[in-house]
Amino acid sequence: MRWPPGGGLYISRVPVAPAAAQARAPVAPSLNPFRVLVKHRNFRIFLIGQTLSLIGTWMQTMAQGWLALELTNRPFLVGLVATATSIPILVFTMPAGVLVDRSDKLRLVRIAQGAYLLEATALWGLVATNRITIGSLLALAFLSGLIASIEIPARQSMFIDLVGRDDLPEAIALNSSGFNLARVVGPGIAAAVIARLGIAWCFFLNAVSFVAVLVGLFMIVLPAHRPHPGHARPWIGVQQAMRYMRQTAHVRALMLMVTVYSILGVPVLALMPVVARDMFHLGAGGYGLLLSFLGVGGLAGALSLAAVGYRVSRTRMLLVASMVWPTLLVLFAFARAPWQGYLLLLGIGCTMILNGAIANGLLQQLVPNELRGRMMAAYGLVVVGLAQVVGAFTSGALADLLGVRTTIAAGAVLMLGYGAWAFFRRAELRTLEEGHVRDLPVL
């Protein structure tokens, strides 16, 4: 990597081996999905603390959606709360990615998790004293998104420091498994807490859960941070990342696929309170069960991905997941009985996580280290920012107008159409594992 006097960034002339060739050499002999945890102490500490914290986060997510529905009784405003969390990510995460590339990532993650603790405590206090309004709920959701605009790229780009490049895909898959384990446990606990203690205690327990992740983060020891030189203006760094994505065919195709699937497929999560009440006529407990079944499916998909390693082509797995996910969403839109919804959510959770985890792993193997923070910022902008600001907001409005079933089905059909075109009519996604970082000027 070299930085010309004018601030431009150029990929060095040293050839980079294809991602598949780089990674397939150290094939593990076992199918143990937890081998990366045994091998890497730092990642083991990180994942335990992060999973405990995510249980609290899913409790808050479930309670926040239900609270928004209780306060407003409008699907549009339920979607708006999710959108408010993501607007700062959409606006600020790319400049934040420049900050991440120049800063100590572990320190940034510690600061962000402490800020999450304060936000959750404030939310608990307002709900416990009956002073919560839809306005204050939206404001705190916005604050959470502002923190996430820095925390997401910092945490995602820190994985390579925790496990190294060879074990990166398995680490990403295991991180997804922790996320989905939390999605299984968190909503179930939240439903029980709401029934017995009241909704405010979900926010209190989430605040307490951040202590776990902070303890873990302060136990992690990484080599001293060595900043990369760069241009003084953050916008120059953003331009570098955007030009790299535009001019690197495999990265461009992967990011486009992630964008379309995030906008059309992920917003079903924001609509889940409406799905529970209007599609299946369930209460808070049934809503929690829907999220739990989605999490069980995601957990199964993530552990399977961590176990198979490089024995199965990730490009083929991505193709299968990308076709099956929207197909199951169409069937889910027409499900009538809760048990049908539960079973379909197992498959939806599995394929959704496979799609996201494989795409994340391939992207991180393709990009150079000097751009990793910005590329993870772009990834977070899409899967969180655009998915909520565009996807959840639009789906909430359409659910108000057309009904939740039609909204989910229409998005799934569009996903399926795009996936068929992108995988079968274009070569870039079919050859992702053959792709490599090319000698392209970024600025």
Protein backbone atom coordinates (compact mmCIF):
# COMPACT_ATOMS: atom_id res chain seq x y z
CA MET A 1 0.00 0.00 0.00
CA ARG A 2 1.35 3.48 -0.78
CA TRP A 3 -0.02 6.93 -0.21
CA PRO A 4 0.92 9.47 -2.93
CA PRO A 5 1.60 13.09 -1.88
CA GLY A 6 -1.83 14.25 -3.04
CA GLY A 7 -3.64 11.91 -0.66
CA GLY A 8 -4.60 9.30 -3.23
CA LEU A 9 -4.72 5.63 -2.33
CA TYR A 10 -3.37 2.94 -4.67
CA ILE A 11 -3.41 -0.79 -4.29
CA SER A 12 0.20 -2.00 -4.42
CA ARG A 13 1.62 -3.94 -7.35
CA VAL A 14 2.21 -6.99 -5.16
CA PRO A 15 -0.15 -9.67 -6.51
CA VAL A 16 -2.81 -10.88 -4.13
CA ALA A 17 -3.88 -14.51 -4.29
CA PRO A 18 -7.55 -15.31 -4.81
CA ALA A 19 -9.57 -15.38 -1.60
CA ALA A 20 -10.29 -19.07 -1.98
CA ALA A 21 -6.62 -19.92 -2.55
CA GLN A 22 -5.54 -17.85 0.46
CA ALA A 23 -8.01 -19.46 2.80
CA ARG A 24 -8.25 -23.06 1.76
CA ALA A 25 -4.72 -24.02 2.68
CA PRO A 26 -5.36 -24.38 6.45
CA VAL A 27 -8.40 -26.68 6.20
CA ALA A 28 -9.33 -27.93 9.64
CA PRO A 29 -9.68 -31.70 10.06
CA SER A 30 -12.78 -31.57 12.25
CA LEU A 31 -16.33 -30.31 11.86
CA ASN A 32 -16.25 -28.66 15.29
CA PRO A 33 -17.84 -25.22 14.76
CA PHE A 34 -16.21 -23.91 17.95
CA ARG A 35 -12.59 -24.59 17.00
CA VAL A 36 -11.94 -20.87 16.48
CA LEU A 37 -13.00 -20.21 20.09
CA VAL A 38 -10.53 -22.79 21.36
CA LYS A 39 -7.75 -21.37 19.20
CA HIS A 40 -8.13 -17.64 19.89
CA ARG A 41 -8.41 -16.37 23.48
CA ASN A 42 -9.28 -12.80 22.51
CA PHE A 43 -12.13 -13.89 20.28
CA ARG A 44 -13.42 -16.28 22.96
CA ILE A 45 -13.61 -13.46 25.51
CA PHE A 46 -15.17 -11.11 22.97
CA LEU A 47 -17.85 -13.56 21.83
CA ILE A 48 -18.96 -14.52 25.36
CA GLY A 49 -19.36 -10.92 26.45
CA GLN A 50 -20.95 -9.87 23.18
CA THR A 51 -23.50 -12.70 23.28
CA LEU A 52 -24.56 -11.86 26.83
CA SER A 53 -24.96 -8.23 25.84
CA LEU A 54 -26.91 -9.15 22.71
CA ILE A 55 -29.43 -11.08 24.82
CA GLY A 56 -30.19 -7.79 26.54
CA THR A 57 -30.26 -5.96 23.22
CA TRP A 58 -32.83 -8.39 21.81
CA MET A 59 -34.91 -7.97 24.95
CA GLN A 60 -34.86 -4.23 24.33
CA THR A 61 -35.61 -4.64 20.61
CA MET A 62 -38.62 -6.83 21.31
CA ALA A 63 -39.86 -4.53 24.10
CA GLN A 64 -39.25 -1.37 22.07
CA GLY A 65 -41.30 -2.63 19.13
CA TRP A 66 -44.14 -3.70 21.38
CA LEU A 67 -43.97 -0.40 23.29
CA ALA A 68 -44.20 1.58 20.04
CA LEU A 69 -47.26 -0.44 19.05
CA GLU A 70 -48.87 0.17 22.45
CA LEU A 71 -48.13 3.91 22.36
CA THR A 72 -49.38 4.51 18.80
CA ASN A 73 -51.34 1.46 17.54
CA ARG A 74 -49.94 2.19 14.05
CA PRO A 75 -47.68 -0.12 11.98
CA PHE A 76 -46.18 2.95 10.28
CA LEU A 77 -44.89 4.35 13.57
CA VAL A 78 -43.55 0.93 14.62
CA GLY A 79 -41.48 1.00 11.43
CA LEU A 80 -40.53 4.63 12.10
CA VAL A 81 -38.95 3.72 15.45
CA ALA A 82 -36.74 1.18 13.67
CA THR A 83 -36.01 3.80 11.01
CA ALA A 84 -34.96 6.39 13.61
CA THR A 85 -32.28 3.99 14.84
CA SER A 86 -30.85 3.70 11.36
CA ILE A 87 -30.91 7.27 10.05
CA PRO A 88 -27.61 8.18 11.81
CA ILE A 89 -26.03 5.02 10.42
CA LEU A 90 -27.07 6.03 6.93
CA VAL A 91 -25.69 9.55 7.35
CA PHE A 92 -22.60 9.15 9.52
CA THR A 93 -21.22 5.63 9.21
CA MET A 94 -19.06 6.23 6.11
CA PRO A 95 -17.17 9.17 7.68
CA ALA A 96 -17.02 7.05 10.86
CA GLY A 97 -15.35 4.33 8.79
CA VAL A 98 -12.51 6.76 8.01
CA LEU A 99 -12.15 7.37 11.76
CA VAL A 100 -12.08 3.60 12.36
CA ASP A 101 -9.30 3.08 9.80
CA ARG A 102 -7.17 5.70 11.59
CA SER A 103 -7.98 4.81 15.21
CA ASP A 104 -7.59 2.08 17.79
CA LYS A 105 -10.62 -0.11 16.99
CA LEU A 106 -10.74 -1.79 20.41
CA ARG A 107 -10.80 1.58 22.17
CA LEU A 108 -13.62 2.81 19.92
CA VAL A 109 -15.69 -0.31 20.64
CA ARG A 110 -15.20 0.13 24.41
CA ILE A 111 -16.37 3.76 24.26
CA ALA A 112 -19.39 2.87 22.12
CA GLN A 113 -20.50 0.07 24.44
CA GLY A 114 -20.30 2.46 27.40
CA ALA A 115 -22.51 4.90 25.50
CA TYR A 116 -25.02 2.10 24.82
CA LEU A 117 -25.15 1.47 28.58
CA LEU A 118 -26.12 5.11 29.21
CA GLU A 119 -28.77 5.08 26.47
CA ALA A 120 -30.42 1.90 27.78
CA THR A 121 -30.43 3.32 31.32
CA ALA A 122 -32.18 6.48 30.14
CA LEU A 123 -34.82 4.45 28.32
CA TRP A 124 -35.44 2.34 31.42
CA GLY A 125 -35.83 5.44 33.57
CA LEU A 126 -38.40 7.03 31.26
CA VAL A 127 -40.51 3.89 30.95
CA ALA A 128 -40.32 3.06 34.66
CA THR A 129 -41.58 6.53 35.60
CA ASN A 130 -44.32 6.51 32.91
CA ARG A 131 -42.78 9.51 31.17
CA ILE A 132 -42.05 7.75 27.90
CA THR A 133 -43.66 9.20 24.78
CA ILE A 134 -43.33 8.27 21.13
CA GLY A 135 -41.17 11.40 20.74
CA SER A 136 -38.69 10.40 23.44
CA LEU A 137 -38.68 6.81 22.16
CA LEU A 138 -37.76 8.10 18.69
CA ALA A 139 -35.06 10.37 20.16
CA LEU A 140 -33.40 7.54 22.09
CA ALA A 141 -33.63 5.29 19.04
CA PHE A 142 -31.82 8.01 17.07
CA LEU A 143 -29.12 8.22 19.77
CA SER A 144 -28.65 4.45 19.62
CA GLY A 145 -28.15 4.68 15.87
CA LEU A 146 -25.62 7.48 16.31
CA ILE A 147 -23.54 5.23 18.56
CA ALA A 148 -23.94 2.32 16.15
CA SER A 149 -22.62 4.38 13.23
CA ILE A 150 -19.17 4.13 14.85
CA GLU A 151 -19.50 0.86 16.77
CA ILE A 152 -20.54 -1.32 13.80
CA PRO A 153 -17.54 -0.66 11.51
CA ALA A 154 -15.14 -0.67 14.47
CA ARG A 155 -16.40 -4.03 15.76
CA GLN A 156 -16.65 -5.67 12.34
CA SER A 157 -13.18 -4.60 11.22
CA MET A 158 -11.71 -5.72 14.57
CA PHE A 159 -12.43 -9.39 13.84
CA ILE A 160 -9.29 -9.82 11.76
CA ASP A 161 -7.23 -8.54 14.74
CA LEU A 162 -8.90 -11.09 17.00
CA VAL A 163 -8.47 -14.22 14.81
CA GLY A 164 -6.32 -13.41 11.76
CA ARG A 165 -7.28 -13.71 8.09
CA ASP A 166 -7.34 -17.54 7.84
CA ASP A 167 -9.99 -17.96 10.55
CA LEU A 168 -11.99 -14.87 9.64
CA PRO A 169 -14.98 -16.57 7.92
CA GLU A 170 -15.49 -19.00 10.81
CA ALA A 171 -15.25 -16.13 13.32
CA ILE A 172 -17.89 -14.16 11.42
CA ALA A 173 -20.13 -17.25 11.35
CA LEU A 174 -19.68 -17.81 15.09
CA ASN A 175 -20.42 -14.16 15.77
CA SER A 176 -23.64 -14.65 13.81
CA SER A 177 -24.40 -17.71 15.94
CA GLY A 178 -24.02 -15.61 19.09
CA PHE A 179 -26.34 -13.01 17.57
CA ASN A 180 -28.95 -15.65 16.84
CA LEU A 181 -28.57 -17.40 20.18
CA ALA A 182 -29.39 -14.02 21.71
CA ARG A 183 -32.36 -13.70 19.38
CA VAL A 184 -33.62 -17.07 20.63
CA VAL A 185 -33.13 -16.36 24.33
CA GLY A 186 -33.71 -12.61 24.49
CA PRO A 187 -37.32 -12.39 23.22
CA GLY A 188 -38.41 -15.34 25.36
CA ILE A 189 -36.97 -13.71 28.47
CA ALA A 190 -38.48 -10.38 27.42
CA ALA A 191 -41.95 -11.89 27.02
CA ALA A 192 -41.73 -13.43 30.50
CA VAL A 193 -40.40 -10.18 32.00
CA ILE A 194 -43.18 -8.12 30.38
CA ALA A 195 -45.83 -10.53 31.67
CA ARG A 196 -44.49 -10.66 35.24
CA LEU A 197 -42.61 -7.41 35.90
CA GLY A 198 -43.59 -4.96 33.17
CA ILE A 199 -41.95 -3.69 30.01
CA ALA A 200 -39.59 -1.27 31.82
CA TRP A 201 -37.54 -4.15 33.24
CA CYS A 202 -36.54 -5.29 29.74
CA PHE A 203 -34.69 -1.99 29.32
CA PHE A 204 -33.13 -2.27 32.76
CA LEU A 205 -31.80 -5.77 32.07
CA ASN A 206 -30.39 -4.59 28.75
CA ALA A 207 -28.50 -1.83 30.56
CA VAL A 208 -27.07 -4.41 32.97
CA SER A 209 -26.05 -6.66 30.07
CA PHE A 210 -23.68 -4.03 28.71
CA VAL A 211 -21.55 -4.53 31.80
CA ALA A 212 -20.76 -8.04 30.53
CA VAL A 213 -19.46 -6.88 27.18
CA LEU A 214 -17.44 -4.07 28.76
CA VAL A 215 -15.76 -6.49 31.16
CA GLY A 216 -14.85 -8.72 28.22
CA LEU A 217 -13.55 -5.84 26.12
CA PHE A 218 -11.22 -4.69 28.90
CA MET A 219 -9.84 -8.24 29.21
CA ILE A 220 -8.83 -8.32 25.53
CA VAL A 221 -5.21 -7.51 24.77
CA LEU A 222 -4.23 -6.61 21.20
CA PRO A 223 -0.97 -5.34 19.70
CA ALA A 224 -0.44 -1.58 19.95
CA HIS A 225 -2.39 0.35 17.34
CA ARG A 226 -0.31 1.58 14.40
CA PRO A 227 -2.27 4.23 12.48
CA HIS A 228 -2.18 4.29 8.69
CA PRO A 229 -1.27 7.64 7.18
CA GLY A 230 -4.10 9.31 5.36
CA HIS A 231 -5.61 12.50 4.10
CA ALA A 232 -6.71 15.00 6.74
CA ARG A 233 -10.26 15.35 5.40
CA PRO A 234 -12.68 12.47 6.11
CA TRP A 235 -14.53 13.04 2.84
CA ILE A 236 -11.38 12.10 0.90
CA GLY A 237 -11.34 8.76 2.73
CA VAL A 238 -15.01 8.20 1.87
CA GLN A 239 -14.28 8.92 -1.80
CA GLN A 240 -11.48 6.38 -1.74
CA ALA A 241 -13.80 3.66 -0.45
CA MET A 242 -16.57 4.53 -2.91
CA ARG A 243 -14.18 4.48 -5.86
CA TYR A 244 -12.74 1.16 -4.76
CA MET A 245 -16.23 -0.39 -4.62
CA ARG A 246 -17.16 1.06 -7.98
CA GLN A 247 -14.02 -0.14 -9.77
CA THR A 248 -13.67 -3.61 -8.22
CA ALA A 249 -16.19 -5.86 -9.98
CA HIS A 250 -16.54 -8.61 -7.35
CA VAL A 251 -16.90 -6.14 -4.47
CA ARG A 252 -19.41 -4.06 -6.46
CA ALA A 253 -21.55 -7.10 -7.29
CA LEU A 254 -21.46 -8.37 -3.71
CA MET A 255 -22.44 -4.99 -2.25
CA LEU A 256 -25.30 -4.61 -4.73
CA MET A 257 -26.67 -8.02 -3.78
CA VAL A 258 -26.40 -7.21 -0.07
CA THR A 259 -28.13 -3.87 -0.66
CA VAL A 260 -31.13 -5.32 -2.51
CA TYR A 261 -31.63 -8.19 -0.08
CA SER A 262 -31.26 -5.92 2.96
CA ILE A 263 -33.81 -3.39 1.74
CA LEU A 264 -36.37 -6.00 0.65
CA GLY A 265 -35.84 -8.89 3.07
CA VAL A 266 -34.63 -7.64 6.45
CA PRO A 267 -37.55 -5.22 7.18
CA VAL A 268 -39.78 -8.19 8.01
CA LEU A 269 -38.07 -8.00 11.43
CA ALA A 270 -39.33 -4.45 11.97
CA LEU A 271 -42.84 -5.58 11.05
CA MET A 272 -42.80 -8.57 13.40
CA PRO A 273 -44.98 -6.91 16.08
CA VAL A 274 -47.61 -6.28 13.39
CA VAL A 275 -47.16 -9.82 12.02
CA ALA A 276 -47.78 -11.24 15.50
CA ARG A 277 -50.88 -9.18 16.17
CA ASP A 278 -52.53 -8.85 12.74
CA MET A 279 -51.45 -12.01 10.88
CA PHE A 280 -51.51 -14.54 13.70
CA HIS A 281 -53.56 -12.73 16.40
CA LEU A 282 -50.87 -13.21 19.05
CA GLY A 283 -49.87 -11.18 22.09
CA ALA A 284 -46.43 -10.27 23.44
CA GLY A 285 -45.64 -13.92 24.21
CA GLY A 286 -46.44 -15.00 20.65
CA TYR A 287 -44.36 -12.12 19.30
CA GLY A 288 -41.43 -13.34 21.37
CA LEU A 289 -41.90 -16.87 20.04
CA LEU A 290 -41.82 -15.63 16.45
CA LEU A 291 -38.48 -13.92 17.09
CA SER A 292 -37.19 -16.99 18.92
CA PHE A 293 -37.97 -19.35 16.04
CA LEU A 294 -36.28 -16.92 13.66
CA GLY A 295 -33.27 -16.99 15.98
CA VAL A 296 -33.19 -20.80 16.21
CA GLY A 297 -33.04 -20.99 12.43
CA GLY A 298 -30.30 -18.37 12.29
CA LEU A 299 -28.32 -20.14 14.99
CA ALA A 300 -28.50 -23.42 13.07
CA GLY A 301 -27.34 -21.69 9.88
CA ALA A 302 -24.46 -19.89 11.55
CA LEU A 303 -23.16 -23.01 13.35
CA SER A 304 -23.42 -25.04 10.15
CA LEU A 305 -21.40 -22.41 8.30
CA ALA A 306 -18.73 -22.36 11.02
CA ALA A 307 -18.55 -26.17 10.96
CA VAL A 308 -18.18 -26.74 7.22
CA GLY A 309 -15.43 -24.14 6.85
CA TYR A 310 -14.13 -24.29 3.29
CA ARG A 311 -15.33 -27.83 2.54
CA VAL A 312 -18.31 -26.41 0.66
CA SER A 313 -18.09 -23.60 -1.90
CA ARG A 314 -19.28 -20.43 -0.21
CA THR A 315 -20.40 -19.02 -3.53
CA ARG A 316 -22.73 -21.99 -4.03
CA MET A 317 -24.01 -21.70 -0.46
CA LEU A 318 -24.68 -18.01 -1.07
CA LEU A 319 -26.62 -18.85 -4.24
CA VAL A 320 -28.80 -21.44 -2.49
CA ALA A 321 -29.49 -19.18 0.50
CA SER A 322 -30.30 -16.25 -1.76
CA MET A 323 -32.89 -18.26 -3.67
CA VAL A 324 -34.48 -20.09 -0.73
CA TRP A 325 -34.77 -17.05 1.58
CA PRO A 326 -37.26 -15.06 -0.56
CA THR A 327 -39.15 -18.24 -1.48
CA LEU A 328 -39.78 -18.92 2.20
CA LEU A 329 -40.80 -15.30 2.75
CA VAL A 330 -43.50 -15.65 0.08
CA LEU A 331 -44.83 -18.75 1.82
CA PHE A 332 -44.66 -16.97 5.19
CA ALA A 333 -46.78 -14.09 3.84
CA PHE A 334 -49.60 -16.54 3.14
CA ALA A 335 -49.30 -18.58 6.35
CA ARG A 336 -52.51 -18.65 8.39
CA ALA A 337 -51.74 -20.62 11.54
CA PRO A 338 -49.04 -19.61 14.04
CA TRP A 339 -47.39 -23.05 13.81
CA GLN A 340 -46.93 -22.52 10.07
CA GLY A 341 -45.28 -19.19 10.77
CA TYR A 342 -42.98 -20.71 13.39
CA LEU A 343 -41.77 -23.46 11.02
CA LEU A 344 -41.21 -21.08 8.12
CA LEU A 345 -39.28 -18.69 10.36
CA LEU A 346 -36.81 -21.49 11.11
CA GLY A 347 -35.90 -21.64 7.43
CA ILE A 348 -36.05 -17.86 6.98
CA GLY A 349 -33.68 -17.33 9.90
CA CYS A 350 -31.25 -19.96 8.59
CA THR A 351 -31.09 -18.66 5.02
CA MET A 352 -31.02 -15.01 6.07
CA ILE A 353 -28.00 -15.58 8.30
CA LEU A 354 -26.24 -17.72 5.70
CA ASN A 355 -26.73 -14.97 3.14
CA GLY A 356 -25.41 -12.25 5.45
CA ALA A 357 -22.53 -14.15 7.06
CA ILE A 358 -21.20 -15.52 3.77
CA ALA A 359 -21.39 -12.11 2.12
CA ASN A 360 -19.62 -10.49 5.09
CA GLY A 361 -16.86 -13.11 5.09
CA LEU A 362 -16.25 -12.89 1.35
CA LEU A 363 -16.17 -9.11 1.48
CA GLN A 364 -13.63 -9.04 4.31
CA GLN A 365 -11.39 -11.46 2.44
CA LEU A 366 -11.50 -9.37 -0.71
CA VAL A 367 -10.73 -5.91 0.71
CA PRO A 368 -7.28 -4.59 1.72
CA ASN A 369 -6.63 -3.87 5.41
CA GLU A 370 -6.23 -0.14 4.82
CA LEU A 371 -9.84 0.07 3.62
CA ARG A 372 -11.36 -2.45 6.02
CA GLY A 373 -12.98 0.05 8.39
CA ARG A 374 -14.57 1.97 5.53
CA MET A 375 -15.79 -1.18 3.80
CA MET A 376 -17.35 -2.44 7.02
CA ALA A 377 -18.91 1.01 7.41
CA ALA A 378 -20.38 0.63 3.90
CA TYR A 379 -21.61 -2.85 4.82
CA GLY A 380 -23.21 -1.53 8.02
CA LEU A 381 -24.72 1.40 6.10
CA VAL A 382 -26.48 -1.10 3.84
CA VAL A 383 -27.55 -3.89 6.22
CA VAL A 384 -28.60 -1.55 9.03
CA GLY A 385 -29.00 1.94 7.57
CA LEU A 386 -30.65 1.32 4.21
CA ALA A 387 -32.47 -1.78 5.47
CA GLN A 388 -34.24 0.33 8.10
CA VAL A 389 -34.38 3.85 6.68
CA VAL A 390 -35.53 2.73 3.24
CA GLY A 391 -36.73 -0.83 3.88
CA ALA A 392 -38.46 -0.59 7.26
CA PHE A 393 -39.87 2.89 6.63
CA THR A 394 -41.28 1.90 3.25
CA SER A 395 -42.57 -1.46 4.46
CA GLY A 396 -44.24 0.21 7.45
CA ALA A 397 -45.98 2.69 5.15
CA LEU A 398 -47.01 -0.07 2.72
CA ALA A 399 -48.28 -2.25 5.58
CA ASP A 400 -50.50 0.65 6.64
CA LEU A 401 -51.80 0.95 3.07
CA LEU A 402 -51.83 -2.60 1.69
CA GLY A 403 -51.56 -4.87 4.74
CA VAL A 404 -48.61 -6.72 6.15
CA ARG A 405 -49.08 -9.90 4.08
CA THR A 406 -48.99 -8.10 0.74
CA THR A 407 -46.00 -6.03 1.82
CA ILE A 408 -43.91 -9.06 2.79
CA ALA A 409 -44.88 -11.02 -0.34
CA ALA A 410 -44.13 -8.14 -2.73
CA GLY A 411 -40.67 -7.59 -1.26
CA ALA A 412 -39.88 -11.30 -1.44
CA VAL A 413 -40.89 -11.55 -5.11
CA LEU A 414 -38.62 -8.61 -5.97
CA MET A 415 -35.76 -10.26 -4.05
CA LEU A 416 -36.22 -13.50 -5.94
CA GLY A 417 -36.27 -11.72 -9.29
CA TYR A 418 -33.11 -9.78 -8.57
CA GLY A 419 -31.31 -12.85 -7.21
CA ALA A 420 -32.11 -14.88 -10.32
CA TRP A 421 -30.79 -12.09 -12.55
CA ALA A 422 -27.65 -11.40 -10.47
CA PHE A 423 -26.57 -15.03 -10.09
CA PHE A 424 -27.62 -16.51 -13.42
CA ARG A 425 -27.20 -13.60 -15.83
CA ARG A 426 -24.06 -12.00 -14.34
CA ALA A 427 -20.69 -13.67 -13.74
CA GLU A 428 -19.36 -11.66 -10.78
CA LEU A 429 -21.34 -13.36 -8.00
CA ARG A 430 -20.73 -16.82 -9.42
CA THR A 431 -16.95 -16.24 -9.33
CA LEU A 432 -16.60 -14.48 -5.97
CA GLU A 433 -14.16 -17.07 -4.60
CA GLU A 434 -11.97 -16.55 -7.64
CA GLY A 435 -11.92 -12.77 -7.18
CA HIS A 436 -8.95 -10.86 -5.88
CA VAL A 437 -7.89 -7.32 -5.06
CA ARG A 438 -6.85 -5.78 -8.35
CA ASP A 439 -4.29 -3.03 -9.02
CA LEU A 440 -6.85 -0.24 -9.19
CA PRO A 441 -6.40 3.41 -8.21
CA VAL A 442 -8.95 4.34 -5.57
CA LEU A 443 -8.46 8.07 -5.87
